[in-house]
N, C-alpha and C. Protein backbone atom coordinates (compact mmCIF):
# COMPACT_ATOMS: atom_id res chain seq x y z
N MET A 1 194.46 -33.31 -68.53
CA MET A 1 195.53 -33.89 -69.33
C MET A 1 196.80 -33.06 -69.15
N PHE A 2 197.89 -33.73 -69.00
CA PHE A 2 199.17 -33.06 -68.80
C PHE A 2 199.76 -32.65 -70.14
N VAL A 3 200.05 -31.39 -70.27
CA VAL A 3 200.55 -30.89 -71.55
C VAL A 3 201.89 -30.22 -71.33
N PHE A 4 202.88 -30.64 -72.05
CA PHE A 4 204.16 -29.93 -72.06
C PHE A 4 204.11 -28.97 -73.23
N PHE A 5 204.27 -27.68 -72.96
CA PHE A 5 204.26 -26.73 -74.06
C PHE A 5 205.61 -26.77 -74.75
N LEU A 6 205.58 -26.63 -76.03
CA LEU A 6 206.79 -26.56 -76.85
C LEU A 6 207.81 -27.65 -76.53
N THR A 7 207.33 -28.85 -76.24
CA THR A 7 208.28 -29.92 -75.98
C THR A 7 208.11 -31.00 -77.02
N VAL A 8 209.12 -31.79 -77.13
CA VAL A 8 209.11 -32.90 -78.07
C VAL A 8 209.49 -34.14 -77.30
N SER A 9 208.71 -35.16 -77.39
CA SER A 9 209.03 -36.40 -76.70
C SER A 9 210.23 -37.03 -77.38
N LEU A 10 211.18 -37.44 -76.58
CA LEU A 10 212.41 -38.01 -77.14
C LEU A 10 212.53 -39.49 -76.83
N LEU A 11 211.44 -40.16 -76.67
CA LEU A 11 211.50 -41.59 -76.43
C LEU A 11 211.81 -42.29 -77.74
N GLY A 12 213.09 -42.22 -78.12
CA GLY A 12 213.52 -42.82 -79.36
C GLY A 12 213.39 -41.89 -80.56
N PHE A 13 212.99 -40.65 -80.36
CA PHE A 13 212.81 -39.70 -81.46
C PHE A 13 213.98 -38.73 -81.49
N GLN A 14 214.37 -38.35 -82.67
CA GLN A 14 215.44 -37.37 -82.82
C GLN A 14 215.15 -36.51 -84.03
N SER A 15 215.44 -35.23 -83.91
CA SER A 15 215.29 -34.33 -85.03
C SER A 15 216.63 -33.68 -85.29
N ASP A 16 216.92 -33.44 -86.56
CA ASP A 16 218.16 -32.78 -86.88
C ASP A 16 217.99 -31.29 -87.12
N ALA A 17 216.78 -30.77 -87.06
CA ALA A 17 216.64 -29.33 -87.26
C ALA A 17 215.34 -28.83 -86.66
N CYS A 18 215.50 -27.91 -85.73
CA CYS A 18 214.34 -27.25 -85.16
C CYS A 18 214.81 -25.96 -84.55
N ASN A 19 214.10 -24.89 -84.80
CA ASN A 19 214.43 -23.62 -84.20
C ASN A 19 213.15 -22.99 -83.71
N THR A 20 212.98 -22.95 -82.39
CA THR A 20 211.81 -22.32 -81.82
C THR A 20 212.19 -21.01 -81.15
N SER A 21 213.32 -20.46 -81.51
CA SER A 21 213.77 -19.21 -80.93
C SER A 21 212.82 -18.08 -81.31
N LYS A 22 212.70 -17.11 -80.40
CA LYS A 22 211.85 -15.96 -80.66
C LYS A 22 212.44 -15.07 -81.76
N LYS A 23 213.73 -15.13 -81.94
CA LYS A 23 214.37 -14.34 -82.98
C LYS A 23 214.50 -15.18 -84.23
N SER A 24 214.26 -14.55 -85.39
CA SER A 24 214.42 -15.32 -86.62
C SER A 24 215.89 -15.54 -86.87
N SER A 25 216.18 -16.69 -87.41
CA SER A 25 217.57 -17.04 -87.65
C SER A 25 217.63 -18.03 -88.80
N ASP A 26 218.68 -17.91 -89.58
CA ASP A 26 218.88 -18.86 -90.67
C ASP A 26 219.56 -20.12 -90.16
N GLU A 27 220.11 -20.05 -88.95
CA GLU A 27 220.83 -21.19 -88.38
C GLU A 27 219.85 -22.19 -87.79
N MET A 28 219.98 -23.44 -88.17
CA MET A 28 219.15 -24.50 -87.63
C MET A 28 219.83 -25.03 -86.37
N ILE A 29 219.03 -25.29 -85.37
CA ILE A 29 219.55 -25.82 -84.11
C ILE A 29 219.26 -27.30 -84.08
N LYS A 30 220.31 -28.10 -83.90
CA LYS A 30 220.14 -29.54 -83.82
C LYS A 30 219.85 -29.92 -82.38
N PHE A 31 218.90 -30.84 -82.20
CA PHE A 31 218.58 -31.27 -80.85
C PHE A 31 218.18 -32.73 -80.85
N GLY A 32 218.24 -33.32 -79.69
CA GLY A 32 217.88 -34.71 -79.52
C GLY A 32 218.77 -35.35 -78.48
N PRO A 33 218.50 -36.59 -78.15
CA PRO A 33 219.25 -37.25 -77.07
C PRO A 33 220.73 -37.46 -77.39
N ASP A 34 221.09 -37.35 -78.66
CA ASP A 34 222.50 -37.53 -79.02
C ASP A 34 223.14 -36.22 -79.47
N LYS A 35 222.53 -35.10 -79.10
CA LYS A 35 223.06 -33.78 -79.46
C LYS A 35 223.42 -32.99 -78.20
N PHE A 36 224.42 -32.15 -78.31
CA PHE A 36 224.82 -31.26 -77.23
C PHE A 36 223.62 -30.46 -76.74
N THR A 37 223.45 -30.37 -75.42
CA THR A 37 222.35 -29.64 -74.80
C THR A 37 222.90 -28.78 -73.67
N SER A 38 222.46 -27.53 -73.61
CA SER A 38 222.99 -26.59 -72.61
C SER A 38 222.71 -27.04 -71.19
N LEU A 39 221.46 -27.37 -70.89
CA LEU A 39 221.07 -27.85 -69.56
C LEU A 39 220.18 -29.08 -69.73
N VAL A 40 220.45 -30.09 -68.94
CA VAL A 40 219.56 -31.25 -68.88
C VAL A 40 219.14 -31.38 -67.42
N VAL A 41 217.84 -31.32 -67.21
CA VAL A 41 217.26 -31.32 -65.87
C VAL A 41 216.45 -32.59 -65.68
N PHE A 42 216.70 -33.29 -64.57
CA PHE A 42 215.92 -34.48 -64.24
C PHE A 42 215.14 -34.21 -62.96
N PHE A 43 213.88 -34.66 -62.98
CA PHE A 43 213.01 -34.49 -61.82
C PHE A 43 213.17 -35.68 -60.88
N LYS A 44 212.85 -35.42 -59.62
CA LYS A 44 212.83 -36.51 -58.64
C LYS A 44 211.76 -37.52 -59.07
N LYS A 45 212.00 -38.78 -58.78
CA LYS A 45 211.05 -39.83 -59.17
C LYS A 45 209.67 -39.60 -58.58
N GLU A 46 209.62 -39.03 -57.39
CA GLU A 46 208.33 -38.84 -56.73
C GLU A 46 207.59 -37.57 -57.15
N ALA A 47 208.16 -36.81 -58.08
CA ALA A 47 207.48 -35.59 -58.56
C ALA A 47 206.18 -35.98 -59.26
N THR A 48 205.12 -35.27 -58.95
CA THR A 48 203.81 -35.56 -59.54
C THR A 48 203.66 -34.82 -60.87
N ARG A 49 202.71 -35.24 -61.68
CA ARG A 49 202.41 -34.56 -62.94
C ARG A 49 202.07 -33.09 -62.69
N GLU A 50 201.32 -32.84 -61.66
CA GLU A 50 200.93 -31.46 -61.33
C GLU A 50 202.17 -30.62 -60.99
N GLN A 51 203.09 -31.18 -60.21
CA GLN A 51 204.31 -30.46 -59.86
C GLN A 51 205.16 -30.19 -61.11
N ILE A 52 205.24 -31.17 -61.98
CA ILE A 52 206.04 -31.01 -63.20
C ILE A 52 205.40 -29.96 -64.11
N GLU A 53 204.10 -29.98 -64.23
CA GLU A 53 203.42 -28.98 -65.05
C GLU A 53 203.64 -27.58 -64.47
N THR A 54 203.56 -27.47 -63.16
CA THR A 54 203.82 -26.18 -62.51
C THR A 54 205.25 -25.72 -62.78
N PHE A 55 206.20 -26.66 -62.75
CA PHE A 55 207.59 -26.35 -63.05
C PHE A 55 207.71 -25.78 -64.48
N TYR A 56 207.08 -26.46 -65.44
CA TYR A 56 207.13 -25.98 -66.81
C TYR A 56 206.51 -24.59 -66.94
N ASN A 57 205.39 -24.38 -66.27
CA ASN A 57 204.68 -23.11 -66.40
C ASN A 57 205.35 -21.95 -65.66
N ASN A 58 206.05 -22.24 -64.57
CA ASN A 58 206.58 -21.17 -63.73
C ASN A 58 208.09 -21.03 -63.70
N VAL A 59 208.81 -22.07 -64.11
CA VAL A 59 210.27 -22.02 -64.02
C VAL A 59 210.91 -21.93 -65.40
N VAL A 60 210.51 -22.79 -66.33
CA VAL A 60 211.17 -22.82 -67.63
C VAL A 60 210.31 -22.21 -68.74
N SER A 61 209.40 -21.34 -68.34
CA SER A 61 208.62 -20.58 -69.32
C SER A 61 208.15 -19.29 -68.67
N VAL A 62 207.65 -18.40 -69.48
CA VAL A 62 207.09 -17.14 -69.01
C VAL A 62 205.71 -16.98 -69.62
N SER A 63 204.81 -16.40 -68.86
CA SER A 63 203.46 -16.16 -69.38
C SER A 63 203.52 -15.15 -70.51
N ARG A 64 202.71 -15.38 -71.53
CA ARG A 64 202.63 -14.45 -72.64
C ARG A 64 201.91 -13.19 -72.18
N PRO A 65 202.24 -12.05 -72.76
CA PRO A 65 201.59 -10.80 -72.38
C PRO A 65 200.06 -10.85 -72.53
N ASP A 66 199.57 -11.60 -73.52
CA ASP A 66 198.12 -11.70 -73.73
C ASP A 66 197.49 -12.78 -72.84
N LEU A 67 198.31 -13.40 -71.97
CA LEU A 67 197.87 -14.44 -71.04
C LEU A 67 197.28 -15.67 -71.73
N LYS A 68 197.63 -15.88 -72.99
CA LYS A 68 197.15 -17.04 -73.75
C LYS A 68 198.29 -18.02 -73.98
N GLY A 69 198.80 -18.55 -72.90
CA GLY A 69 199.87 -19.53 -73.01
C GLY A 69 201.18 -19.04 -72.44
N HIS A 70 202.23 -19.73 -72.83
CA HIS A 70 203.57 -19.45 -72.32
C HIS A 70 204.58 -19.40 -73.46
N ASP A 71 205.64 -18.67 -73.22
CA ASP A 71 206.77 -18.59 -74.15
C ASP A 71 208.02 -19.09 -73.43
N LEU A 72 209.04 -19.35 -74.21
CA LEU A 72 210.33 -19.70 -73.63
C LEU A 72 210.94 -18.45 -73.00
N PRO A 73 211.73 -18.62 -71.95
CA PRO A 73 212.40 -17.46 -71.34
C PRO A 73 213.40 -16.84 -72.32
N GLU A 74 213.71 -15.59 -72.10
CA GLU A 74 214.71 -14.92 -72.92
C GLU A 74 216.01 -15.72 -72.88
N GLY A 75 216.63 -15.88 -74.02
CA GLY A 75 217.89 -16.60 -74.11
C GLY A 75 217.76 -18.09 -74.38
N VAL A 76 216.53 -18.62 -74.35
CA VAL A 76 216.33 -20.05 -74.59
C VAL A 76 215.85 -20.24 -76.02
N ALA A 77 216.54 -21.08 -76.76
CA ALA A 77 216.18 -21.36 -78.15
C ALA A 77 215.12 -22.45 -78.23
N LEU A 78 215.27 -23.50 -77.40
CA LEU A 78 214.31 -24.60 -77.43
C LEU A 78 214.43 -25.43 -76.17
N GLN A 79 213.40 -26.22 -75.95
CA GLN A 79 213.43 -27.20 -74.87
C GLN A 79 212.67 -28.43 -75.33
N TYR A 80 213.03 -29.57 -74.75
CA TYR A 80 212.39 -30.82 -75.14
C TYR A 80 212.43 -31.79 -73.98
N GLN A 81 211.53 -32.73 -74.01
CA GLN A 81 211.42 -33.73 -72.95
C GLN A 81 212.53 -34.76 -73.10
N VAL A 82 213.10 -35.17 -71.97
CA VAL A 82 214.12 -36.23 -71.97
C VAL A 82 213.72 -37.30 -70.97
N LYS A 83 214.25 -38.48 -71.17
CA LYS A 83 214.01 -39.60 -70.25
C LYS A 83 215.29 -40.41 -70.16
N ASN A 84 215.59 -40.84 -68.93
CA ASN A 84 216.77 -41.65 -68.68
C ASN A 84 216.37 -42.66 -67.62
N GLY A 85 216.17 -43.91 -68.01
CA GLY A 85 215.69 -44.91 -67.06
C GLY A 85 214.33 -44.50 -66.53
N GLU A 86 214.22 -44.43 -65.21
CA GLU A 86 212.95 -44.05 -64.58
C GLU A 86 212.83 -42.54 -64.37
N TYR A 87 213.82 -41.79 -64.81
CA TYR A 87 213.81 -40.35 -64.61
C TYR A 87 213.33 -39.63 -65.87
N GLU A 88 212.48 -38.64 -65.68
CA GLU A 88 212.10 -37.79 -66.80
C GLU A 88 212.55 -36.38 -66.49
N GLY A 89 212.66 -35.60 -67.55
CA GLY A 89 213.13 -34.25 -67.36
C GLY A 89 213.00 -33.43 -68.63
N VAL A 90 213.83 -32.41 -68.71
CA VAL A 90 213.77 -31.49 -69.83
C VAL A 90 215.19 -31.11 -70.25
N GLY A 91 215.39 -31.06 -71.57
CA GLY A 91 216.63 -30.56 -72.14
C GLY A 91 216.39 -29.14 -72.59
N ILE A 92 217.32 -28.25 -72.29
CA ILE A 92 217.18 -26.84 -72.64
C ILE A 92 218.42 -26.42 -73.41
N THR A 93 218.20 -25.81 -74.57
CA THR A 93 219.31 -25.30 -75.36
C THR A 93 219.19 -23.78 -75.41
N PHE A 94 220.25 -23.12 -74.98
CA PHE A 94 220.27 -21.66 -75.02
C PHE A 94 220.52 -21.18 -76.44
N SER A 95 219.99 -20.02 -76.76
CA SER A 95 220.26 -19.42 -78.06
C SER A 95 221.71 -18.94 -78.08
N THR A 96 222.24 -18.78 -79.27
CA THR A 96 223.64 -18.37 -79.39
C THR A 96 223.89 -16.99 -78.83
N ASP A 97 222.85 -16.16 -78.75
CA ASP A 97 223.02 -14.81 -78.21
C ASP A 97 222.53 -14.67 -76.77
N ALA A 98 222.31 -15.78 -76.09
CA ALA A 98 221.91 -15.72 -74.68
C ALA A 98 223.04 -15.11 -73.85
N THR A 99 222.68 -14.22 -72.96
CA THR A 99 223.69 -13.57 -72.12
C THR A 99 224.03 -14.48 -70.94
N PRO A 100 225.20 -14.27 -70.36
CA PRO A 100 225.55 -15.03 -69.15
C PRO A 100 224.50 -14.82 -68.04
N GLU A 101 223.96 -13.63 -67.95
CA GLU A 101 222.95 -13.33 -66.92
C GLU A 101 221.68 -14.14 -67.16
N GLN A 102 221.23 -14.25 -68.41
CA GLN A 102 220.04 -15.03 -68.74
C GLN A 102 220.27 -16.50 -68.41
N ARG A 103 221.43 -17.00 -68.75
CA ARG A 103 221.76 -18.41 -68.47
C ARG A 103 221.77 -18.69 -66.97
N GLU A 104 222.44 -17.82 -66.22
CA GLU A 104 222.57 -18.01 -64.78
C GLU A 104 221.22 -17.86 -64.07
N LYS A 105 220.41 -16.92 -64.50
CA LYS A 105 219.10 -16.71 -63.89
C LYS A 105 218.23 -17.97 -64.04
N LEU A 106 218.20 -18.54 -65.24
CA LEU A 106 217.39 -19.75 -65.45
C LEU A 106 217.96 -20.93 -64.67
N LYS A 107 219.27 -21.08 -64.68
CA LYS A 107 219.89 -22.20 -63.96
C LYS A 107 219.58 -22.12 -62.48
N LYS A 108 219.66 -20.93 -61.89
CA LYS A 108 219.37 -20.77 -60.46
C LYS A 108 217.90 -21.08 -60.16
N ALA A 109 217.00 -20.64 -61.03
CA ALA A 109 215.57 -20.92 -60.84
C ALA A 109 215.32 -22.43 -60.90
N ILE A 110 215.97 -23.10 -61.82
CA ILE A 110 215.82 -24.56 -61.95
C ILE A 110 216.34 -25.26 -60.70
N GLU A 111 217.55 -24.90 -60.30
CA GLU A 111 218.18 -25.56 -59.14
C GLU A 111 217.43 -25.32 -57.83
N SER A 112 216.68 -24.24 -57.76
CA SER A 112 215.95 -23.94 -56.52
C SER A 112 214.61 -24.67 -56.45
N SER A 113 214.21 -25.34 -57.52
CA SER A 113 212.94 -26.06 -57.52
C SER A 113 213.04 -27.32 -56.65
N PRO A 114 212.07 -27.56 -55.79
CA PRO A 114 212.12 -28.74 -54.93
C PRO A 114 211.91 -30.06 -55.66
N ILE A 115 211.48 -30.04 -56.91
CA ILE A 115 211.26 -31.30 -57.63
C ILE A 115 212.46 -31.69 -58.50
N VAL A 116 213.47 -30.84 -58.57
CA VAL A 116 214.64 -31.13 -59.42
C VAL A 116 215.59 -32.06 -58.68
N TYR A 117 215.95 -33.14 -59.37
CA TYR A 117 216.87 -34.13 -58.81
C TYR A 117 218.32 -33.78 -59.18
N LYS A 118 218.58 -33.61 -60.47
CA LYS A 118 219.94 -33.28 -60.94
C LYS A 118 219.87 -32.38 -62.16
N VAL A 119 220.90 -31.54 -62.29
CA VAL A 119 221.04 -30.65 -63.44
C VAL A 119 222.43 -30.88 -64.02
N TYR A 120 222.47 -31.09 -65.32
CA TYR A 120 223.74 -31.26 -66.04
C TYR A 120 223.90 -30.09 -67.00
N GLU A 121 225.14 -29.64 -67.16
CA GLU A 121 225.41 -28.54 -68.09
C GLU A 121 226.28 -29.02 -69.24
N ASN A 122 225.93 -28.55 -70.43
CA ASN A 122 226.74 -28.78 -71.63
C ASN A 122 227.07 -30.26 -71.83
N VAL A 123 226.01 -31.05 -71.96
CA VAL A 123 226.15 -32.50 -72.11
C VAL A 123 225.33 -33.02 -73.28
N VAL A 124 225.60 -34.26 -73.64
CA VAL A 124 224.77 -35.01 -74.58
C VAL A 124 223.90 -35.91 -73.72
N PRO A 125 222.56 -35.72 -73.72
CA PRO A 125 221.69 -36.46 -72.81
C PRO A 125 221.89 -37.97 -72.79
N LYS A 126 222.06 -38.60 -73.95
CA LYS A 126 222.16 -40.06 -73.95
C LYS A 126 223.50 -40.56 -73.39
N GLU A 127 224.45 -39.66 -73.17
CA GLU A 127 225.73 -40.03 -72.60
C GLU A 127 225.75 -39.90 -71.07
N ILE A 128 224.66 -39.45 -70.48
CA ILE A 128 224.59 -39.33 -69.02
C ILE A 128 224.43 -40.72 -68.44
N ASN A 129 225.41 -41.13 -67.63
CA ASN A 129 225.37 -42.48 -67.08
C ASN A 129 225.57 -42.51 -65.57
N ASP A 130 225.53 -41.34 -64.92
CA ASP A 130 225.71 -41.30 -63.48
C ASP A 130 224.47 -40.78 -62.76
N LEU A 131 223.32 -40.92 -63.38
CA LEU A 131 222.08 -40.37 -62.81
C LEU A 131 221.72 -41.01 -61.48
N GLU A 132 222.02 -42.27 -61.30
CA GLU A 132 221.67 -42.96 -60.06
C GLU A 132 222.66 -42.68 -58.93
N LYS A 133 223.80 -42.08 -59.24
CA LYS A 133 224.77 -41.77 -58.18
C LYS A 133 224.21 -40.65 -57.32
N PRO A 134 224.46 -40.70 -56.01
CA PRO A 134 223.94 -39.68 -55.10
C PRO A 134 224.43 -38.27 -55.48
N VAL A 135 223.59 -37.30 -55.23
CA VAL A 135 223.95 -35.91 -55.46
C VAL A 135 224.89 -35.47 -54.35
N LYS A 136 226.01 -34.87 -54.73
CA LYS A 136 226.95 -34.38 -53.72
C LYS A 136 226.45 -33.05 -53.19
N LYS A 137 226.36 -32.97 -51.88
CA LYS A 137 225.94 -31.73 -51.23
C LYS A 137 227.17 -30.91 -50.88
N VAL A 138 227.15 -29.65 -51.27
CA VAL A 138 228.26 -28.76 -50.97
C VAL A 138 227.93 -28.02 -49.67
N PRO A 139 228.84 -28.08 -48.68
CA PRO A 139 228.56 -27.43 -47.39
C PRO A 139 228.49 -25.93 -47.50
């Protein structure tokens, strides 16, 4: 069975308060398809469940020291599943104290994955309307 750790299905679901940050905080983080999201990642249509699970386990999470599961990478407050047409992916919200280095490290790891189709920064997922447009290759 395919399991997304610490994800929330957003097929019509929205929450106004969730904080899965490793640091305790009184600030509630709003998330959902109509909320600002730091990174929105969409997988290629041909990505398999196994490839996506590997992506979750090795790219957007870190193994726990006790080897009993995975945690979010440093600087990430939460992540959740997103869907746009036939594309599925993950929304990632950085914590307010995430360093530029933490943000860039995760973004580079995501972009280097062979199953990633497109990455959007600082967007509202439900406002993404250019997903079907070809990805521009920079020489």
